[in-house]
Amino acid sequence: MVPSAACADHIDEVLDLPGTKVLMKPCGKVGEIVEALERCGELSRVSLVADCGLPSEHVCRDLGSFDPAEHPSYFTTLVVK
């Protein structure tokens, strides 16, 4: 498993890997990750969950509708299928 901060720095390489990718706690790197996913045409295959199980929980099943300016919380997970 590669830490999400490292993934953001090498996101194109990570996206080339086979299988489902789980990026946990991407914090300030979400904008960069979204841009890379958009370049690859992968946004529709990505789900985002922030604050899972908390009253502030946010689920985005299609990252194409996500606004990176929303600054997801520290407890954010991205799943790339």
C-alpha atoms as a PDB file:
ATOM      1  CA  MET A   1       0.000   0.000   0.000  1.00  0.00           C
ATOM      2  CA  VAL A   2       1.284   3.442  -0.931  1.00  0.00           C
ATOM      3  CA  PRO A   3       0.392   6.435   1.296  1.00  0.00           C
ATOM      4  CA  SER A   4      -2.019   8.852  -0.395  1.00  0.00           C
ATOM      5  CA  ALA A   5       0.432  11.754  -0.158  1.00  0.00           C
ATOM      6  CA  ALA A   6       2.917   9.676  -2.145  1.00  0.00           C
ATOM      7  CA  CYS A   7       0.121   8.623  -4.499  1.00  0.00           C
ATOM      8  CA  ALA A   8      -0.679  12.254  -5.240  1.00  0.00           C
ATOM      9  CA  ASP A   9       2.949  12.812  -6.183  1.00  0.00           C
ATOM     10  CA  HIS A  10       2.885   9.758  -8.474  1.00  0.00           C
ATOM     11  CA  ILE A  11      -0.825   9.532  -9.270  1.00  0.00           C
ATOM     12  CA  ASP A  12      -0.387   8.767 -12.970  1.00  0.00           C
ATOM     13  CA  GLU A  13       1.800   5.770 -12.114  1.00  0.00           C
ATOM     14  CA  VAL A  14      -0.629   4.610  -9.433  1.00  0.00           C
ATOM     15  CA  LEU A  15      -3.587   4.816 -11.837  1.00  0.00           C
ATOM     16  CA  ASP A  16      -1.718   2.613 -14.313  1.00  0.00           C
ATOM     17  CA  LEU A  17      -1.598  -0.202 -11.746  1.00  0.00           C
ATOM     18  CA  PRO A  18      -4.179  -2.970 -12.212  1.00  0.00           C
ATOM     19  CA  GLY A  19      -7.123  -3.410  -9.865  1.00  0.00           C
ATOM     20  CA  THR A  20      -9.081  -1.202  -7.513  1.00  0.00           C
ATOM     21  CA  LYS A  21      -7.205   1.620  -5.820  1.00  0.00           C
ATOM     22  CA  VAL A  22      -8.122   2.951  -2.372  1.00  0.00           C
ATOM     23  CA  LEU A  23      -6.667   6.356  -1.518  1.00  0.00           C
ATOM     24  CA  MET A  24      -7.095   7.180   2.147  1.00  0.00           C
ATOM     25  CA  LYS A  25      -6.697  10.584   3.792  1.00  0.00           C
ATOM     26  CA  PRO A  26      -5.660  12.505   0.644  1.00  0.00           C
ATOM     27  CA  CYS A  27      -6.371  15.858   2.395  1.00  0.00           C
ATOM     28  CA  GLY A  28      -4.799  18.751   0.497  1.00  0.00           C
ATOM     29  CA  LYS A  29      -3.930  16.564  -2.490  1.00  0.00           C
ATOM     30  CA  VAL A  30      -7.537  15.906  -3.601  1.00  0.00           C
ATOM     31  CA  GLY A  31      -7.421  18.647  -6.264  1.00  0.00           C
ATOM     32  CA  GLU A  32      -4.289  17.145  -7.828  1.00  0.00           C
ATOM     33  CA  ILE A  33      -5.779  13.655  -7.687  1.00  0.00           C
ATOM     34  CA  VAL A  34      -9.042  14.827  -9.301  1.00  0.00           C
ATOM     35  CA  GLU A  35      -7.078  16.532 -12.106  1.00  0.00           C
ATOM     36  CA  ALA A  36      -5.103  13.354 -12.782  1.00  0.00           C
ATOM     37  CA  LEU A  37      -8.268  11.251 -12.779  1.00  0.00           C
ATOM     38  CA  GLU A  38      -9.880  13.701 -15.186  1.00  0.00           C
ATOM     39  CA  ARG A  39      -6.869  13.468 -17.539  1.00  0.00           C
ATOM     40  CA  CYS A  40      -7.254   9.684 -17.509  1.00  0.00           C
ATOM     41  CA  GLY A  41     -11.015   9.811 -18.014  1.00  0.00           C
ATOM     42  CA  GLU A  42     -11.532   7.979 -14.716  1.00  0.00           C
ATOM     43  CA  LEU A  43     -13.775  10.402 -12.795  1.00  0.00           C
ATOM     44  CA  SER A  44     -16.943   8.379 -13.349  1.00  0.00           C
ATOM     45  CA  ARG A  45     -15.230   5.317 -11.835  1.00  0.00           C
ATOM     46  CA  VAL A  46     -14.323   7.037  -8.571  1.00  0.00           C
ATOM     47  CA  SER A  47     -16.323   7.324  -5.354  1.00  0.00           C
ATOM     48  CA  LEU A  48     -15.485   9.580  -2.425  1.00  0.00           C
ATOM     49  CA  VAL A  49     -16.561   9.172   1.187  1.00  0.00           C
ATOM     50  CA  ALA A  50     -15.708  11.765   3.812  1.00  0.00           C
ATOM     51  CA  ASP A  51     -16.365  11.452   7.548  1.00  0.00           C
ATOM     52  CA  CYS A  52     -17.888   7.986   7.158  1.00  0.00           C
ATOM     53  CA  GLY A  53     -20.211   7.193  10.056  1.00  0.00           C
ATOM     54  CA  LEU A  54     -20.158  10.745  11.412  1.00  0.00           C
ATOM     55  CA  PRO A  55     -23.036  13.262  11.289  1.00  0.00           C
ATOM     56  CA  SER A  56     -21.014  15.210   8.685  1.00  0.00           C
ATOM     57  CA  GLU A  57     -20.701  12.163   6.379  1.00  0.00           C
ATOM     58  CA  HIS A  58     -20.493  13.025   2.681  1.00  0.00           C
ATOM     59  CA  VAL A  59     -20.741  10.462  -0.132  1.00  0.00           C
ATOM     60  CA  CYS A  60     -19.999  11.282  -3.765  1.00  0.00           C
ATOM     61  CA  ARG A  61     -20.588   8.302  -6.080  1.00  0.00           C
ATOM     62  CA  ASP A  62     -19.327  10.084  -9.201  1.00  0.00           C
ATOM     63  CA  LEU A  63     -16.303  12.298  -8.708  1.00  0.00           C
ATOM     64  CA  GLY A  64     -17.242  14.181 -11.883  1.00  0.00           C
ATOM     65  CA  SER A  65     -19.784  16.060  -9.761  1.00  0.00           C
ATOM     66  CA  PHE A  66     -17.295  16.796  -6.974  1.00  0.00           C
ATOM     67  CA  ASP A  67     -15.953  20.312  -6.499  1.00  0.00           C
ATOM     68  CA  PRO A  68     -12.326  20.075  -5.245  1.00  0.00           C
ATOM     69  CA  ALA A  69     -12.803  23.525  -3.683  1.00  0.00           C
ATOM     70  CA  GLU A  70     -15.009  21.801  -1.070  1.00  0.00           C
ATOM     71  CA  HIS A  71     -11.806  20.688   0.698  1.00  0.00           C
ATOM     72  CA  PRO A  72     -12.855  17.280   2.022  1.00  0.00           C
ATOM     73  CA  SER A  73     -11.963  16.453   5.589  1.00  0.00           C
ATOM     74  CA  TYR A  74      -8.937  14.554   6.793  1.00  0.00           C
ATOM     75  CA  PHE A  75     -11.140  11.451   6.990  1.00  0.00           C
ATOM     76  CA  THR A  76     -11.697  11.124   3.228  1.00  0.00           C
ATOM     77  CA  THR A  77     -11.355   7.963   1.182  1.00  0.00           C
ATOM     78  CA  LEU A  78     -11.346   7.695  -2.622  1.00  0.00           C
ATOM     79  CA  VAL A  79     -12.072   4.375  -4.332  1.00  0.00           C
ATOM     80  CA  VAL A  80     -11.019   4.032  -7.979  1.00  0.00           C
ATOM     81  CA  LYS A  81     -12.559   0.969  -9.630  1.00  0.00           C
END
